[in-house]
Amino acid sequence: MQHQAAQAYQQVAKQTSDPIELEAGLLSRAASDMSRIKDNWEEAKSDLDRVLTHNRRLWTVFAESVTKDENPLPREIRQNIANLGIFVLTHTLKIQSEPAPDMLDVLISINREIAAGLRVRPQAA
């Protein structure tokens, strides 16, 4: 399973060398995978654990990276991302214990919003 996450990371890395764009792409792809399952629940719910595990691993990496002292983000942003990561992990466990398509909405939304935020670049002065 971890091999699949590494393959997805490498696949997106081939398309871009920008780490921020890479992260945005991975979050977007995970959101799309969850959305596909939600929209085709009866046919696709067998993929739920695989997709949730992949998303959980992405968020574990993000949460771990923001807690490192060398992370250049402001402390408040780092804390917010870490808290969001904890929420994602907790909500994922709820979905896995009581699967329901509508429970995916919040994870899809979080991934899409964070990906969109990562893609916004500050204007040069």
N, C-alpha and C. Protein backbone atom coordinates (compact mmCIF):
# COMPACT_ATOMS: atom_id res chain seq x y z
N MET A 1 0.83 -1.19 0.00
CA MET A 1 0.00 0.00 0.00
C MET A 1 0.87 1.25 0.00
N GLN A 2 1.93 1.25 0.79
CA GLN A 2 2.81 2.41 0.82
C GLN A 2 3.51 2.55 -0.52
N HIS A 3 3.73 1.45 -1.20
CA HIS A 3 4.34 1.47 -2.53
C HIS A 3 3.46 2.26 -3.50
N GLN A 4 2.14 2.11 -3.38
CA GLN A 4 1.22 2.85 -4.25
C GLN A 4 1.32 4.35 -4.00
N ALA A 5 1.44 4.74 -2.76
CA ALA A 5 1.58 6.16 -2.44
C ALA A 5 2.87 6.71 -3.04
N ALA A 6 3.95 5.93 -2.94
CA ALA A 6 5.23 6.36 -3.51
C ALA A 6 5.13 6.45 -5.03
N GLN A 7 4.43 5.52 -5.65
CA GLN A 7 4.26 5.56 -7.10
C GLN A 7 3.46 6.80 -7.52
N ALA A 8 2.42 7.11 -6.78
CA ALA A 8 1.61 8.29 -7.09
C ALA A 8 2.44 9.55 -6.95
N TYR A 9 3.25 9.61 -5.92
CA TYR A 9 4.13 10.76 -5.70
C TYR A 9 5.11 10.89 -6.86
N GLN A 10 5.71 9.78 -7.29
CA GLN A 10 6.66 9.81 -8.40
C GLN A 10 5.98 10.20 -9.70
N GLN A 11 4.76 9.72 -9.91
CA GLN A 11 4.04 10.04 -11.14
C GLN A 11 3.77 11.55 -11.23
N VAL A 12 3.33 12.13 -10.15
CA VAL A 12 3.08 13.56 -10.14
C VAL A 12 4.40 14.32 -10.21
N ALA A 13 5.45 13.80 -9.59
CA ALA A 13 6.76 14.45 -9.62
C ALA A 13 7.30 14.55 -11.03
N LYS A 14 6.97 13.59 -11.88
CA LYS A 14 7.42 13.63 -13.27
C LYS A 14 6.80 14.82 -14.00
N GLN A 15 5.60 15.20 -13.59
CA GLN A 15 4.88 16.28 -14.24
C GLN A 15 5.34 17.65 -13.75
N THR A 16 5.90 17.72 -12.57
CA THR A 16 6.32 19.00 -12.00
C THR A 16 7.49 18.79 -11.05
N SER A 17 8.37 19.76 -11.00
CA SER A 17 9.47 19.67 -10.05
C SER A 17 9.24 20.58 -8.85
N ASP A 18 8.14 21.32 -8.87
CA ASP A 18 7.79 22.23 -7.79
C ASP A 18 7.13 21.43 -6.66
N PRO A 19 7.77 21.37 -5.48
CA PRO A 19 7.20 20.56 -4.39
C PRO A 19 5.81 21.01 -3.95
N ILE A 20 5.54 22.29 -4.02
CA ILE A 20 4.22 22.78 -3.62
C ILE A 20 3.17 22.30 -4.62
N GLU A 21 3.50 22.37 -5.90
CA GLU A 21 2.57 21.88 -6.92
C GLU A 21 2.40 20.38 -6.79
N LEU A 22 3.45 19.69 -6.43
CA LEU A 22 3.38 18.25 -6.20
C LEU A 22 2.39 17.93 -5.09
N GLU A 23 2.50 18.63 -3.98
CA GLU A 23 1.59 18.42 -2.86
C GLU A 23 0.15 18.73 -3.28
N ALA A 24 -0.05 19.82 -4.00
CA ALA A 24 -1.38 20.18 -4.46
C ALA A 24 -1.94 19.10 -5.38
N GLY A 25 -1.10 18.57 -6.26
CA GLY A 25 -1.54 17.52 -7.17
C GLY A 25 -1.92 16.24 -6.44
N LEU A 26 -1.16 15.87 -5.44
CA LEU A 26 -1.46 14.67 -4.67
C LEU A 26 -2.77 14.82 -3.89
N LEU A 27 -2.97 15.99 -3.30
CA LEU A 27 -4.22 16.24 -2.58
C LEU A 27 -5.41 16.23 -3.53
N SER A 28 -5.25 16.83 -4.70
CA SER A 28 -6.32 16.86 -5.69
C SER A 28 -6.67 15.47 -6.17
N ARG A 29 -5.65 14.68 -6.42
CA ARG A 29 -5.88 13.31 -6.88
C ARG A 29 -6.61 12.49 -5.82
N ALA A 30 -6.19 12.63 -4.58
CA ALA A 30 -6.87 11.91 -3.49
C ALA A 30 -8.32 12.36 -3.37
N ALA A 31 -8.57 13.67 -3.51
CA ALA A 31 -9.93 14.18 -3.46
C ALA A 31 -10.76 13.60 -4.61
N SER A 32 -10.18 13.54 -5.79
CA SER A 32 -10.88 12.96 -6.94
C SER A 32 -11.21 11.50 -6.72
N ASP A 33 -10.27 10.76 -6.15
CA ASP A 33 -10.50 9.34 -5.87
C ASP A 33 -11.65 9.17 -4.87
N MET A 34 -11.66 10.00 -3.83
CA MET A 34 -12.73 9.90 -2.83
C MET A 34 -14.07 10.32 -3.44
N SER A 35 -14.05 11.34 -4.29
CA SER A 35 -15.27 11.80 -4.95
C SER A 35 -15.83 10.72 -5.87
N ARG A 36 -14.96 10.03 -6.58
CA ARG A 36 -15.40 8.94 -7.46
C ARG A 36 -16.10 7.85 -6.65
N ILE A 37 -15.53 7.52 -5.50
CA ILE A 37 -16.14 6.50 -4.65
C ILE A 37 -17.49 6.98 -4.13
N LYS A 38 -17.55 8.22 -3.68
CA LYS A 38 -18.81 8.77 -3.16
C LYS A 38 -19.89 8.76 -4.24
N ASP A 39 -19.53 9.18 -5.44
CA ASP A 39 -20.51 9.28 -6.53
C ASP A 39 -20.95 7.93 -7.09
N ASN A 40 -20.13 6.91 -6.90
CA ASN A 40 -20.43 5.55 -7.39
C ASN A 40 -20.34 4.56 -6.25
N TRP A 41 -20.98 4.88 -5.14
CA TRP A 41 -20.80 4.17 -3.88
C TRP A 41 -20.95 2.66 -4.02
N GLU A 42 -22.03 2.19 -4.58
CA GLU A 42 -22.26 0.75 -4.63
C GLU A 42 -21.21 0.02 -5.45
N GLU A 43 -20.77 0.62 -6.54
CA GLU A 43 -19.79 -0.03 -7.41
C GLU A 43 -18.35 0.17 -6.92
N ALA A 44 -18.08 1.28 -6.25
CA ALA A 44 -16.70 1.65 -5.94
C ALA A 44 -16.32 1.54 -4.47
N LYS A 45 -17.27 1.25 -3.60
CA LYS A 45 -16.94 1.26 -2.17
C LYS A 45 -15.90 0.21 -1.79
N SER A 46 -15.67 -0.76 -2.64
CA SER A 46 -14.61 -1.74 -2.36
C SER A 46 -13.22 -1.10 -2.40
N ASP A 47 -13.11 0.08 -3.03
CA ASP A 47 -11.84 0.83 -3.09
C ASP A 47 -11.66 1.77 -1.90
N LEU A 48 -12.66 1.86 -1.05
CA LEU A 48 -12.66 2.86 0.02
C LEU A 48 -11.44 2.75 0.93
N ASP A 49 -11.14 1.58 1.44
CA ASP A 49 -10.01 1.45 2.37
C ASP A 49 -8.70 1.85 1.70
N ARG A 50 -8.50 1.43 0.47
CA ARG A 50 -7.27 1.77 -0.24
C ARG A 50 -7.12 3.28 -0.40
N VAL A 51 -8.19 3.93 -0.82
CA VAL A 51 -8.15 5.38 -1.05
C VAL A 51 -8.00 6.14 0.26
N LEU A 52 -8.71 5.72 1.28
CA LEU A 52 -8.58 6.39 2.59
C LEU A 52 -7.19 6.19 3.18
N THR A 53 -6.63 5.02 3.00
CA THR A 53 -5.27 4.77 3.49
C THR A 53 -4.27 5.67 2.78
N HIS A 54 -4.43 5.81 1.48
CA HIS A 54 -3.54 6.69 0.72
C HIS A 54 -3.66 8.14 1.22
N ASN A 55 -4.88 8.61 1.40
CA ASN A 55 -5.09 9.98 1.88
C ASN A 55 -4.53 10.16 3.28
N ARG A 56 -4.73 9.15 4.12
CA ARG A 56 -4.19 9.22 5.49
C ARG A 56 -2.67 9.32 5.47
N ARG A 57 -2.03 8.58 4.60
CA ARG A 57 -0.57 8.64 4.51
C ARG A 57 -0.10 10.00 4.02
N LEU A 58 -0.82 10.58 3.06
CA LEU A 58 -0.46 11.94 2.61
C LEU A 58 -0.52 12.91 3.78
N TRP A 59 -1.60 12.85 4.54
CA TRP A 59 -1.77 13.78 5.65
C TRP A 59 -0.80 13.50 6.78
N THR A 60 -0.41 12.27 6.95
CA THR A 60 0.61 11.95 7.95
C THR A 60 1.93 12.61 7.59
N VAL A 61 2.28 12.54 6.32
CA VAL A 61 3.52 13.18 5.84
C VAL A 61 3.43 14.69 6.03
N PHE A 62 2.29 15.29 5.64
CA PHE A 62 2.14 16.74 5.79
C PHE A 62 2.25 17.16 7.25
N ALA A 63 1.54 16.43 8.11
CA ALA A 63 1.54 16.77 9.55
C ALA A 63 2.94 16.62 10.14
N GLU A 64 3.63 15.58 9.76
CA GLU A 64 5.00 15.39 10.28
C GLU A 64 5.93 16.48 9.78
N SER A 65 5.79 16.88 8.53
CA SER A 65 6.71 17.87 7.98
C SER A 65 6.52 19.25 8.61
N VAL A 66 5.30 19.60 8.99
CA VAL A 66 5.10 20.92 9.59
C VAL A 66 5.51 20.98 11.05
N THR A 67 5.73 19.83 11.65
CA THR A 67 6.16 19.85 13.05
C THR A 67 7.68 19.90 13.20
N LYS A 68 8.39 19.82 12.10
CA LYS A 68 9.85 19.88 12.16
C LYS A 68 10.31 21.33 12.33
N ASP A 69 11.33 21.53 13.14
CA ASP A 69 11.83 22.87 13.43
C ASP A 69 12.30 23.61 12.18
N GLU A 70 12.83 22.87 11.21
CA GLU A 70 13.36 23.52 10.01
C GLU A 70 12.28 23.93 9.01
N ASN A 71 11.02 23.60 9.30
CA ASN A 71 9.95 24.00 8.40
C ASN A 71 9.84 25.53 8.40
N PRO A 72 9.87 26.15 7.20
CA PRO A 72 9.90 27.61 7.12
C PRO A 72 8.55 28.31 7.32
N LEU A 73 7.46 27.57 7.38
CA LEU A 73 6.15 28.19 7.55
C LEU A 73 6.03 28.84 8.92
N PRO A 74 5.24 29.92 9.01
CA PRO A 74 5.00 30.53 10.32
C PRO A 74 4.37 29.51 11.29
N ARG A 75 4.68 29.68 12.55
CA ARG A 75 4.24 28.74 13.59
C ARG A 75 2.72 28.52 13.56
N GLU A 76 1.96 29.58 13.41
CA GLU A 76 0.50 29.48 13.43
C GLU A 76 -0.01 28.61 12.27
N ILE A 77 0.54 28.79 11.10
CA ILE A 77 0.14 27.99 9.94
C ILE A 77 0.53 26.53 10.15
N ARG A 78 1.73 26.33 10.67
CA ARG A 78 2.18 24.96 10.95
C ARG A 78 1.24 24.27 11.93
N GLN A 79 0.84 24.99 12.96
CA GLN A 79 -0.08 24.42 13.95
C GLN A 79 -1.43 24.11 13.33
N ASN A 80 -1.93 25.01 12.49
CA ASN A 80 -3.22 24.78 11.83
C ASN A 80 -3.18 23.54 10.93
N ILE A 81 -2.09 23.37 10.19
CA ILE A 81 -1.96 22.20 9.32
C ILE A 81 -1.87 20.93 10.16
N ALA A 82 -1.12 20.98 11.24
CA ALA A 82 -1.02 19.81 12.12
C ALA A 82 -2.39 19.45 12.71
N ASN A 83 -3.15 20.46 13.14
CA ASN A 83 -4.49 20.21 13.68
C ASN A 83 -5.43 19.65 12.62
N LEU A 84 -5.32 20.18 11.40
CA LEU A 84 -6.12 19.67 10.30
C LEU A 84 -5.76 18.22 10.01
N GLY A 85 -4.48 17.91 10.07
CA GLY A 85 -4.03 16.54 9.87
C GLY A 85 -4.61 15.60 10.91
N ILE A 86 -4.66 16.03 12.15
CA ILE A 86 -5.24 15.22 13.21
C ILE A 86 -6.73 14.99 12.94
N PHE A 87 -7.42 16.06 12.51
CA PHE A 87 -8.84 15.92 12.18
C PHE A 87 -9.03 14.92 11.04
N VAL A 88 -8.22 15.04 9.98
CA VAL A 88 -8.34 14.13 8.83
C VAL A 88 -8.13 12.69 9.28
N LEU A 89 -7.12 12.45 10.10
CA LEU A 89 -6.85 11.09 10.56
C LEU A 89 -8.00 10.54 11.41
N THR A 90 -8.53 11.36 12.30
CA THR A 90 -9.65 10.95 13.16
C THR A 90 -10.90 10.69 12.33
N HIS A 91 -11.20 11.59 11.40
CA HIS A 91 -12.40 11.42 10.57
C HIS A 91 -12.27 10.19 9.67
N THR A 92 -11.07 9.93 9.19
CA THR A 92 -10.83 8.75 8.36
C THR A 92 -11.17 7.48 9.14
N LEU A 93 -10.75 7.42 10.40
CA LEU A 93 -11.07 6.25 11.23
C LEU A 93 -12.58 6.09 11.41
N LYS A 94 -13.30 7.20 11.55
CA LYS A 94 -14.76 7.14 11.68
C LYS A 94 -15.37 6.56 10.41
N ILE A 95 -14.89 7.01 9.27
CA ILE A 95 -15.43 6.50 8.00
C ILE A 95 -15.14 5.02 7.85
N GLN A 96 -13.94 4.61 8.23
CA GLN A 96 -13.58 3.21 8.09
C GLN A 96 -14.40 2.32 9.04
N SER A 97 -14.79 2.84 10.19
CA SER A 97 -15.57 2.03 11.13
C SER A 97 -17.06 2.03 10.78
N GLU A 98 -17.55 3.11 10.20
CA GLU A 98 -18.96 3.21 9.80
C GLU A 98 -19.04 3.86 8.42
N PRO A 99 -18.71 3.12 7.36
CA PRO A 99 -18.67 3.71 6.02
C PRO A 99 -20.01 4.27 5.55
N ALA A 100 -19.96 5.48 5.03
CA ALA A 100 -21.12 6.13 4.43
C ALA A 100 -20.60 7.15 3.42
N PRO A 101 -21.21 7.21 2.25
CA PRO A 101 -20.68 8.10 1.20
C PRO A 101 -20.61 9.57 1.61
N ASP A 102 -21.62 10.06 2.32
CA ASP A 102 -21.64 11.48 2.69
C ASP A 102 -20.53 11.86 3.65
N MET A 103 -19.99 10.89 4.36
CA MET A 103 -18.90 11.19 5.29
C MET A 103 -17.62 11.58 4.56
N LEU A 104 -17.54 11.26 3.28
CA LEU A 104 -16.36 11.62 2.49
C LEU A 104 -16.32 13.11 2.15
N ASP A 105 -17.47 13.78 2.19
CA ASP A 105 -17.56 15.18 1.77
C ASP A 105 -16.52 16.07 2.44
N VAL A 106 -16.37 15.93 3.75
CA VAL A 106 -15.45 16.82 4.47
C VAL A 106 -14.00 16.58 4.05
N LEU A 107 -13.62 15.32 3.83
CA LEU A 107 -12.25 15.05 3.40
C LEU A 107 -12.01 15.55 1.98
N ILE A 108 -12.98 15.38 1.12
CA ILE A 108 -12.88 15.88 -0.25
C ILE A 108 -12.71 17.39 -0.23
N SER A 109 -13.53 18.05 0.55
CA SER A 109 -13.48 19.51 0.65
C SER A 109 -12.14 20.00 1.20
N ILE A 110 -11.67 19.38 2.26
CA ILE A 110 -10.38 19.78 2.85
C ILE A 110 -9.26 19.64 1.83
N ASN A 111 -9.20 18.49 1.17
CA ASN A 111 -8.13 18.28 0.19
C ASN A 111 -8.20 19.30 -0.93
N ARG A 112 -9.39 19.55 -1.45
CA ARG A 112 -9.53 20.50 -2.57
C ARG A 112 -9.17 21.92 -2.13
N GLU A 113 -9.60 22.31 -0.96
CA GLU A 113 -9.31 23.67 -0.48
C GLU A 113 -7.82 23.87 -0.22
N ILE A 114 -7.19 22.89 0.40
CA ILE A 114 -5.74 23.01 0.66
C ILE A 114 -4.98 23.00 -0.65
N ALA A 115 -5.37 22.15 -1.59
CA ALA A 115 -4.71 22.11 -2.90
C ALA A 115 -4.85 23.46 -3.61
N ALA A 116 -6.04 24.03 -3.57
CA ALA A 116 -6.26 25.34 -4.21
C ALA A 116 -5.41 26.41 -3.53
N GLY A 117 -5.33 26.36 -2.22
CA GLY A 117 -4.51 27.32 -1.49
C GLY A 117 -3.03 27.19 -1.83
N LEU A 118 -2.57 25.97 -2.01
CA LEU A 118 -1.17 25.76 -2.37
C LEU A 118 -0.86 26.32 -3.75
N ARG A 119 -1.84 26.30 -4.62
CA ARG A 119 -1.62 26.75 -6.00
C ARG A 119 -1.67 28.26 -6.14
N VAL A 120 -2.12 28.96 -5.12
CA VAL A 120 -2.15 30.43 -5.17
C VAL A 120 -0.76 30.95 -4.88
N ARG A 121 -0.25 31.72 -5.78
CA ARG A 121 1.11 32.28 -5.62
C ARG A 121 0.99 33.77 -5.31
N PRO A 122 1.76 34.26 -4.36
CA PRO A 122 1.73 35.70 -4.06
C PRO A 122 2.20 36.50 -5.28
N GLN A 123 1.58 37.63 -5.46
CA GLN A 123 1.97 38.53 -6.56
C GLN A 123 3.30 39.18 -6.24
N ALA A 124 4.13 39.28 -7.25
CA ALA A 124 5.43 39.97 -7.06
C ALA A 124 5.18 41.45 -6.88
N ALA A 125 5.93 42.06 -5.98
CA ALA A 125 5.74 43.50 -5.69
C ALA A 125 6.38 44.35 -6.74
